[in-house]
């Protein structure tokens, strides 16, 4: 019997994760007993707070295990609304908020709601690996905005002005950034917002790392600048990075009413509601002590500084100091090798797992995560330095 193996055309332009082979190899070596140091993690290394876990256990014991409203339970949406107002100076009523199965889900929903086939999606490069693939799944046309390490990997209003065309529909803005750690300041966002408003370009603002900003810098939500840019912005956030709830799969967005309603309809017929138990845990997270973030932020900044000091003393590698998130994006062009070659050699020769930059649109770079213990970071830096000196 002949089996039709044809797949939908939309999948032809979607690439598999460039990190999958490296990650799989690292796991295999670790299972075989090798001492693998992993500086590849895209998640915090601290545990979900006990008060959050306790709320989830209570929800289970109370039988809160059924369907909820598609966009989230009212108490959670009220708290998210209050969080937006207190932390971000944003007025999103509960009917403007959609809770989802992670910030990634929120971004994808926003793109599906806004992008028609052929519409341009503007993506600053380097970029998080999933942005282009999501745009491809929406049949969007990607226009990259190239950035430079010498400018902290940030694009400015002039760069945006050059990239915008009559077909430009959405700009994806990620601050703090994965993989570069760059943070856009208020004045920079004001200039970017002006271009977006003038050209009627929507902004999907991915703010998942907002609590992890260093050196006294403050996070600014682009939608908070004025009503014109507010009306064009979908603000995305979640609980994965701030509360180390990556596996709980709960994110959220705030948007103008008509966009939120469209995304709600979309979610009605795809995932329906996000996990009921995770929603109860998120309520506890939002009600929890605010000093929780200060301790975590201080730990990450200390780790960042250690790694940067080590890297600056190594040959054939350079890196700018990230202002946010928990990644260091390292230029390895002086090694004469591309990112996947570097990643493979570090894993095979030094048992050090890192992420190649080609998946982020930068094949002369590698991404190191400092979401690891001090002991692991020291071992990782020792192994990286040893490999570089042997080249």
Foldseek 3Di string as FASTA:
>chain_A
DDDDPDDDPLCPPADDFPCVVLVVVLVVVVVVPDDFQEQADQFFPDDQDPLLVVLLVVCVVVVLFDADFQQAHPLLLVLVQVCCCVQAVDHFHSLQKGKFQALVLVVLLLCLLWDAAAAEEEEEFLADLCVVSSCSSRNYHYDYQYADVVVLSDDALVSVLVRDDLRHAEYEAEACGPPRLAHDAPVRLVSNLVSCLVNVHAYEYECAFQLQFDDPGHHHDSLNPDVSNLQRYKYKYFCCHQRVPVVQRIIMIGHPNVSSVSSSVVSCPDVGHRGSSSSSSVSSVSVDDPCSSVVVNVVLVVLLVVLQVLQVPAPQKHWDRRRTDFKTKIFNVSVVDWQVVVQVCLCVPVSYHWAASVSSVDRRITMGGSSDDPVSSVSNSVSVRVVRVVD
